[in-house]
C-alpha atoms as a PDB file:
ATOM      1  CA  MET A   1     -74.592  37.480  22.304  1.00  0.00           C
ATOM      2  CA  SER A   2     -75.241  34.843  19.812  1.00  0.00           C
ATOM      3  CA  GLN A   3     -72.661  33.001  17.828  1.00  0.00           C
ATOM      4  CA  ARG A   4     -72.692  33.103  14.132  1.00  0.00           C
ATOM      5  CA  PRO A   5     -73.227  29.734  12.491  1.00  0.00           C
ATOM      6  CA  VAL A   6     -70.203  28.169  10.749  1.00  0.00           C
ATOM      7  CA  THR A   7     -70.536  28.305   7.024  1.00  0.00           C
ATOM      8  CA  ILE A   8     -68.958  26.356   4.207  1.00  0.00           C
ATOM      9  CA  ASP A   9     -66.904  29.461   3.423  1.00  0.00           C
ATOM     10  CA  ASP A  10     -65.546  29.405   6.960  1.00  0.00           C
ATOM     11  CA  ILE A  11     -64.533  25.760   6.595  1.00  0.00           C
ATOM     12  CA  PHE A  12     -62.847  26.487   3.272  1.00  0.00           C
ATOM     13  CA  GLU A  13     -61.038  29.441   4.815  1.00  0.00           C
ATOM     14  CA  LEU A  14     -59.780  27.225   7.683  1.00  0.00           C
ATOM     15  CA  PHE A  15     -58.688  24.640   5.155  1.00  0.00           C
ATOM     16  CA  ARG A  16     -56.873  27.283   3.038  1.00  0.00           C
ATOM     17  CA  GLU A  17     -55.158  28.648   6.156  1.00  0.00           C
ATOM     18  CA  SER A  18     -54.070  25.181   7.254  1.00  0.00           C
ATOM     19  CA  GLU A  19     -52.822  24.478   3.694  1.00  0.00           C
ATOM     20  CA  ARG A  20     -50.814  27.762   3.767  1.00  0.00           C
ATOM     21  CA  GLN A  21     -49.273  26.751   7.103  1.00  0.00           C
ATOM     22  CA  ARG A  22     -48.455  23.273   5.791  1.00  0.00           C
ATOM     23  CA  LYS A  23     -46.760  24.754   2.690  1.00  0.00           C
ATOM     24  CA  GLU A  24     -44.821  27.213   4.834  1.00  0.00           C
ATOM     25  CA  GLN A  25     -43.645  24.388   7.096  1.00  0.00           C
ATOM     26  CA  GLN A  26     -42.701  22.348   3.992  1.00  0.00           C
ATOM     27  CA  ARG A  27     -40.657  25.313   2.640  1.00  0.00           C
ATOM     28  CA  GLU A  28     -38.930  25.763   6.000  1.00  0.00           C
ATOM     29  CA  PHE A  29     -38.157  22.037   6.151  1.00  0.00           C
ATOM     30  CA  GLU A  30     -36.736  22.000   2.599  1.00  0.00           C
ATOM     31  CA  GLN A  31     -34.660  25.092   3.329  1.00  0.00           C
ATOM     32  CA  SER A  32     -33.296  23.481   6.497  1.00  0.00           C
ATOM     33  CA  LEU A  33     -32.568  20.288   4.565  1.00  0.00           C
ATOM     34  CA  GLN A  34     -30.653  22.230   1.878  1.00  0.00           C
ATOM     35  CA  GLU A  35     -28.623  24.034   4.521  1.00  0.00           C
ATOM     36  CA  TYR A  36     -27.869  20.708   6.197  1.00  0.00           C
ATOM     37  CA  ARG A  37     -26.809  19.155   2.883  1.00  0.00           C
ATOM     38  CA  LYS A  38     -24.619  22.151   2.113  1.00  0.00           C
ATOM     39  CA  THR A  39     -23.004  21.863   5.527  1.00  0.00           C
ATOM     40  CA  SER A  40     -22.609  18.094   5.118  1.00  0.00           C
ATOM     41  CA  GLU A  41     -21.004  18.542   1.688  1.00  0.00           C
ATOM     42  CA  GLN A  42     -18.595  21.108   3.137  1.00  0.00           C
ATOM     43  CA  GLU A  43     -17.826  18.849   6.087  1.00  0.00           C
ATOM     44  CA  MET A  44     -17.380  15.873   3.739  1.00  0.00           C
ATOM     45  CA  ALA A  45     -15.023  17.893   1.509  1.00  0.00           C
ATOM     46  CA  GLU A  46     -13.025  18.933   4.581  1.00  0.00           C
ATOM     47  CA  LEU A  47     -12.931  15.340   5.842  1.00  0.00           C
ATOM     48  CA  LYS A  48     -11.715  14.094   2.428  1.00  0.00           C
ATOM     49  CA  LYS A  49      -8.981  16.731   2.489  1.00  0.00           C
ATOM     50  CA  ILE A  50      -7.867  15.622   5.967  1.00  0.00           C
ATOM     51  CA  VAL A  51      -7.858  11.939   4.902  1.00  0.00           C
ATOM     52  CA  ALA A  52      -5.768  12.758   1.802  1.00  0.00           C
ATOM     53  CA  GLN A  53      -3.234  14.693   3.900  1.00  0.00           C
ATOM     54  CA  THR A  54      -3.043  11.857   6.439  1.00  0.00           C
ATOM     55  CA  ASN A  55      -2.520   9.263   3.691  1.00  0.00           C
ATOM     56  CA  LYS A  56       0.269  11.384   2.208  1.00  0.00           C
ATOM     57  CA  GLN A  57       1.990  11.700   5.599  1.00  0.00           C
ATOM     58  CA  VAL A  58       1.643   7.962   6.344  1.00  0.00           C
ATOM     59  CA  GLY A  59       2.991   7.163   2.879  1.00  0.00           C
ATOM     60  CA  GLY A  60       5.994   9.365   3.563  1.00  0.00           C
ATOM     61  CA  ILE A  61       6.677   7.596   6.864  1.00  0.00           C
ATOM     62  CA  THR A  62       6.353   4.158   5.231  1.00  0.00           C
ATOM     63  CA  SER A  63       8.665   5.225   2.414  1.00  0.00           C
ATOM     64  CA  ARG A  64      11.262   6.439   4.924  1.00  0.00           C
ATOM     65  CA  TRP A  65      11.075   3.144   6.822  1.00  0.00           C
ATOM     66  CA  GLY A  66      11.636   1.345   3.508  1.00  0.00           C
ATOM     67  CA  GLU A  67      14.677   3.525   2.790  1.00  0.00           C
ATOM     68  CA  PHE A  68      15.984   2.849   6.297  1.00  0.00           C
ATOM     69  CA  VAL A  69      15.716  -0.923   5.768  1.00  0.00           C
ATOM     70  CA  GLU A  70      17.284  -0.650   2.285  1.00  0.00           C
ATOM     71  CA  ASN A  71      20.233   1.155   3.852  1.00  0.00           C
ATOM     72  CA  LEU A  72      20.595  -1.670   6.395  1.00  0.00           C
ATOM     73  CA  VAL A  73      20.335  -4.413   3.765  1.00  0.00           C
ATOM     74  CA  ARG A  74      22.663  -3.010   1.116  1.00  0.00           C
ATOM     75  CA  PRO A  75      25.897  -2.917   3.180  1.00  0.00           C
ATOM     76  CA  ALA A  76      25.072  -6.279   4.793  1.00  0.00           C
ATOM     77  CA  ALA A  77      24.332  -7.971   1.443  1.00  0.00           C
ATOM     78  CA  VAL A  78      27.983  -8.737   0.677  1.00  0.00           C
ATOM     79  CA  ARG A  79      28.513 -10.451   4.048  1.00  0.00           C
ATOM     80  CA  MET A  80      25.147 -12.251   4.114  1.00  0.00           C
ATOM     81  CA  PHE A  81      25.381 -13.756   0.645  1.00  0.00           C
ATOM     82  CA  ARG A  82      29.069 -14.654   0.921  1.00  0.00           C
ATOM     83  CA  GLU A  83      28.066 -16.707   3.981  1.00  0.00           C
ATOM     84  CA  LYS A  84      25.612 -18.502   1.655  1.00  0.00           C
ATOM     85  CA  GLY A  85      28.292 -19.148  -0.987  1.00  0.00           C
ATOM     86  CA  ILE A  86      27.354 -16.292  -3.341  1.00  0.00           C
ATOM     87  CA  GLU A  87      30.481 -14.122  -3.691  1.00  0.00           C
ATOM     88  CA  VAL A  88      28.842 -10.705  -4.028  1.00  0.00           C
ATOM     89  CA  HIS A  89      31.181  -7.867  -4.997  1.00  0.00           C
ATOM     90  CA  PHE A  90      28.754  -5.147  -6.152  1.00  0.00           C
ATOM     91  CA  THR A  91      25.489  -3.759  -4.752  1.00  0.00           C
ATOM     92  CA  ALA A  92      23.090  -1.095  -5.983  1.00  0.00           C
ATOM     93  CA  LEU A  93      19.934   0.567  -4.642  1.00  0.00           C
ATOM     94  CA  ARG A  94      16.664   1.026  -6.560  1.00  0.00           C
ATOM     95  CA  VAL A  95      17.498  -0.459  -9.950  1.00  0.00           C
ATOM     96  CA  GLU A  96      14.785   0.255 -12.516  1.00  0.00           C
ATOM     97  CA  ALA A  97      14.261  -1.382 -15.899  1.00  0.00           C
ATOM     98  CA  GLN A  98      11.636  -1.805 -18.622  1.00  0.00           C
ATOM     99  CA  ASP A  99      10.223  -4.757 -20.503  1.00  0.00           C
ATOM    100  CA  GLU A 100       7.212  -5.094 -22.829  1.00  0.00           C
ATOM    101  CA  LYS A 101       4.875  -5.209 -19.794  1.00  0.00           C
ATOM    102  CA  GLY A 102       6.171  -1.971 -18.267  1.00  0.00           C
ATOM    103  CA  SER A 103       8.701  -1.108 -15.610  1.00  0.00           C
ATOM    104  CA  ILE A 104      10.116  -3.099 -12.722  1.00  0.00           C
ATOM    105  CA  GLU A 105      12.079  -1.864  -9.727  1.00  0.00           C
ATOM    106  CA  ILE A 106      14.530  -3.800  -7.589  1.00  0.00           C
ATOM    107  CA  ASP A 107      15.125  -2.257  -4.161  1.00  0.00           C
ATOM    108  CA  VAL A 108      18.620  -3.744  -3.680  1.00  0.00           C
ATOM    109  CA  LEU A 109      20.668  -5.611  -6.282  1.00  0.00           C
ATOM    110  CA  ALA A 110      23.723  -7.691  -5.322  1.00  0.00           C
ATOM    111  CA  GLU A 111      25.900  -9.361  -7.966  1.00  0.00           C
ATOM    112  CA  ASN A 112      29.122 -11.016  -9.012  1.00  0.00           C
ATOM    113  CA  THR A 113      30.237 -12.072 -12.502  1.00  0.00           C
ATOM    114  CA  ASN A 114      27.608 -14.806 -12.995  1.00  0.00           C
ATOM    115  CA  GLU A 115      25.116 -14.550 -10.108  1.00  0.00           C
ATOM    116  CA  VAL A 116      22.687 -11.818  -9.137  1.00  0.00           C
ATOM    117  CA  VAL A 117      20.372 -11.423  -6.127  1.00  0.00           C
ATOM    118  CA  ALA A 118      17.292  -9.214  -6.400  1.00  0.00           C
ATOM    119  CA  ILE A 119      16.149  -8.057  -2.957  1.00  0.00           C
ATOM    120  CA  GLU A 120      12.676  -6.667  -2.195  1.00  0.00           C
ATOM    121  CA  VAL A 121      12.511  -4.484   0.924  1.00  0.00           C
ATOM    122  CA  LYS A 122       9.295  -3.814   2.864  1.00  0.00           C
ATOM    123  CA  SER A 123       8.660  -2.140   6.193  1.00  0.00           C
ATOM    124  CA  HIS A 124       5.733  -4.569   6.712  1.00  0.00           C
ATOM    125  CA  LEU A 125       5.937  -7.739   4.625  1.00  0.00           C
ATOM    126  CA  GLU A 126       2.687  -9.452   3.602  1.00  0.00           C
ATOM    127  CA  VAL A 127       1.853 -12.398   1.329  1.00  0.00           C
ATOM    128  CA  ARG A 128       0.695 -10.068  -1.464  1.00  0.00           C
ATOM    129  CA  ASP A 129       4.162  -8.417  -1.432  1.00  0.00           C
ATOM    130  CA  VAL A 130       5.794 -11.820  -1.932  1.00  0.00           C
ATOM    131  CA  LYS A 131       3.421 -12.603  -4.830  1.00  0.00           C
ATOM    132  CA  ARG A 132       4.184  -9.289  -6.546  1.00  0.00           C
ATOM    133  CA  PHE A 133       7.910  -9.831  -6.097  1.00  0.00           C
ATOM    134  CA  LEU A 134       7.718 -13.305  -7.652  1.00  0.00           C
ATOM    135  CA  ILE A 135       6.156 -11.714 -10.748  1.00  0.00           C
ATOM    136  CA  THR A 136       9.020  -9.201 -10.818  1.00  0.00           C
ATOM    137  CA  LEU A 137      11.542 -12.055 -10.628  1.00  0.00           C
ATOM    138  CA  ASP A 138       9.805 -13.812 -13.528  1.00  0.00           C
ATOM    139  CA  ARG A 139      10.198 -10.618 -15.609  1.00  0.00           C
ATOM    140  CA  PHE A 140      13.704  -9.729 -14.366  1.00  0.00           C
ATOM    141  CA  LYS A 141      15.777 -11.205 -17.209  1.00  0.00           C
ATOM    142  CA  GLN A 142      13.542  -9.741 -19.941  1.00  0.00           C
ATOM    143  CA  ALA A 143      13.860  -6.282 -18.379  1.00  0.00           C
ATOM    144  CA  LEU A 144      17.570  -6.505 -17.479  1.00  0.00           C
ATOM    145  CA  LEU A 145      19.107  -8.205 -20.512  1.00  0.00           C
ATOM    146  CA  LYS A 146      22.637  -8.000 -19.063  1.00  0.00           C
ATOM    147  CA  TYR A 147      21.683 -10.756 -16.596  1.00  0.00           C
ATOM    148  CA  GLN A 148      20.173 -13.290 -19.029  1.00  0.00           C
ATOM    149  CA  SER A 149      22.996 -15.800 -18.507  1.00  0.00           C
ATOM    150  CA  TYR A 150      23.287 -15.172 -14.736  1.00  0.00           C
ATOM    151  CA  LYS A 151      21.830 -17.305 -11.963  1.00  0.00           C
ATOM    152  CA  LEU A 152      19.113 -15.145 -10.414  1.00  0.00           C
ATOM    153  CA  TYR A 153      18.153 -15.489  -6.741  1.00  0.00           C
ATOM    154  CA  GLY A 154      15.403 -13.656  -4.889  1.00  0.00           C
ATOM    155  CA  ALA A 155      15.459 -12.308  -1.338  1.00  0.00           C
ATOM    156  CA  ILE A 156      12.845 -10.471   0.651  1.00  0.00           C
ATOM    157  CA  ALA A 157      13.521  -8.230   3.665  1.00  0.00           C
ATOM    158  CA  GLY A 158      11.175  -6.631   6.163  1.00  0.00           C
ATOM    159  CA  ILE A 159      11.122  -5.031   9.600  1.00  0.00           C
ATOM    160  CA  LYS A 160       7.780  -6.550  10.496  1.00  0.00           C
ATOM    161  CA  ASP A 161       6.688  -9.752   8.775  1.00  0.00           C
ATOM    162  CA  ASP A 162       3.429 -11.588   8.584  1.00  0.00           C
ATOM    163  CA  GLU A 163       4.215 -15.209   9.536  1.00  0.00           C
ATOM    164  CA  ARG A 164       2.298 -16.454   6.487  1.00  0.00           C
ATOM    165  CA  ALA A 165       4.450 -14.206   4.282  1.00  0.00           C
ATOM    166  CA  ASP A 166       7.617 -15.774   5.725  1.00  0.00           C
ATOM    167  CA  GLU A 167       6.301 -19.280   5.107  1.00  0.00           C
ATOM    168  CA  TYR A 168       5.177 -18.447   1.581  1.00  0.00           C
ATOM    169  CA  ALA A 169       8.492 -16.766   0.695  1.00  0.00           C
ATOM    170  CA  THR A 170      10.458 -19.765   1.995  1.00  0.00           C
ATOM    171  CA  GLN A 171       8.206 -22.177   0.122  1.00  0.00           C
ATOM    172  CA  GLU A 172       8.843 -20.178  -3.083  1.00  0.00           C
ATOM    173  CA  GLY A 173      12.633 -20.383  -2.594  1.00  0.00           C
ATOM    174  CA  LEU A 174      13.316 -16.811  -1.492  1.00  0.00           C
ATOM    175  CA  PHE A 175      15.980 -15.836   1.028  1.00  0.00           C
ATOM    176  CA  LEU A 176      14.426 -14.200   4.124  1.00  0.00           C
ATOM    177  CA  ILE A 177      16.236 -11.192   5.570  1.00  0.00           C
ATOM    178  CA  LYS A 178      15.264  -9.849   8.999  1.00  0.00           C
ATOM    179  CA  PRO A 179      16.686  -7.476  11.584  1.00  0.00           C
ATOM    180  CA  SER A 180      19.290  -9.082  13.812  1.00  0.00           C
ATOM    181  CA  GLY A 181      20.931  -6.989  16.519  1.00  0.00           C
ATOM    182  CA  ASP A 182      22.194  -3.786  14.906  1.00  0.00           C
ATOM    183  CA  THR A 183      22.188  -5.230  11.379  1.00  0.00           C
ATOM    184  CA  VAL A 184      20.218  -7.746   9.290  1.00  0.00           C
ATOM    185  CA  ALA A 185      20.700 -11.453   8.586  1.00  0.00           C
ATOM    186  CA  ILE A 186      19.384 -14.234   6.358  1.00  0.00           C
ATOM    187  CA  VAL A 187      17.164 -16.317   8.628  1.00  0.00           C
ATOM    188  CA  ASN A 188      16.193 -19.320   6.481  1.00  0.00           C
ATOM    189  CA  ASP A 189      16.837 -22.644   8.213  1.00  0.00           C
ATOM    190  CA  ARG A 190      19.765 -24.922   7.293  1.00  0.00           C
ATOM    191  CA  ASN A 191      17.633 -27.130   5.050  1.00  0.00           C
ATOM    192  CA  PHE A 192      16.511 -24.224   2.874  1.00  0.00           C
ATOM    193  CA  VAL A 193      17.292 -24.492  -0.840  1.00  0.00           C
ATOM    194  CA  ALA A 194      17.152 -21.206  -2.772  1.00  0.00           C
ATOM    195  CA  LYS A 195      15.348 -21.190  -6.103  1.00  0.00           C
ATOM    196  CA  THR A 196      17.174 -19.901  -9.171  1.00  0.00           C
ATOM    197  CA  TRP A 197      15.513 -18.157 -12.065  1.00  0.00           C
END
């Protein structure tokens, strides 16, 4: 039996067959890639949903801690500030007001007839919180016109504090309020001089 010689047509046929196989493999690869992308997009959407739910739950916990601290600070405010020579006789939670720049919110307000203390409450106090609160204090009398002739003091309270935040708040003349036993206390040292706005 003799073998038939290979012709140019045979070579072209082999080439066409190999090209068909290559195209089929390319189609299969692209189809697999699309399925993978679809799966990845679905997984990514699911992951984003889980992250959003987690953030909402964490935000709720943080908010509740803030409320817990506010409810510790408010009843102690009268005692704490009287010890510092500010005869507080009225306190309020979450006081909101507007000025030309927008709204401000004071977590706890303590006052008498000519002095007022604005207290910022955080579950975890950081330097950026102190900076934001100082801006609020600068806007306080434009937003709350009733207090324009009052001496305004600032105080900042937190369960957990960044040491740099404590130092910065003290340097800026803010009272520091921290947990102490089953209540809270002002913890600035004896040489501290509170700033008035």
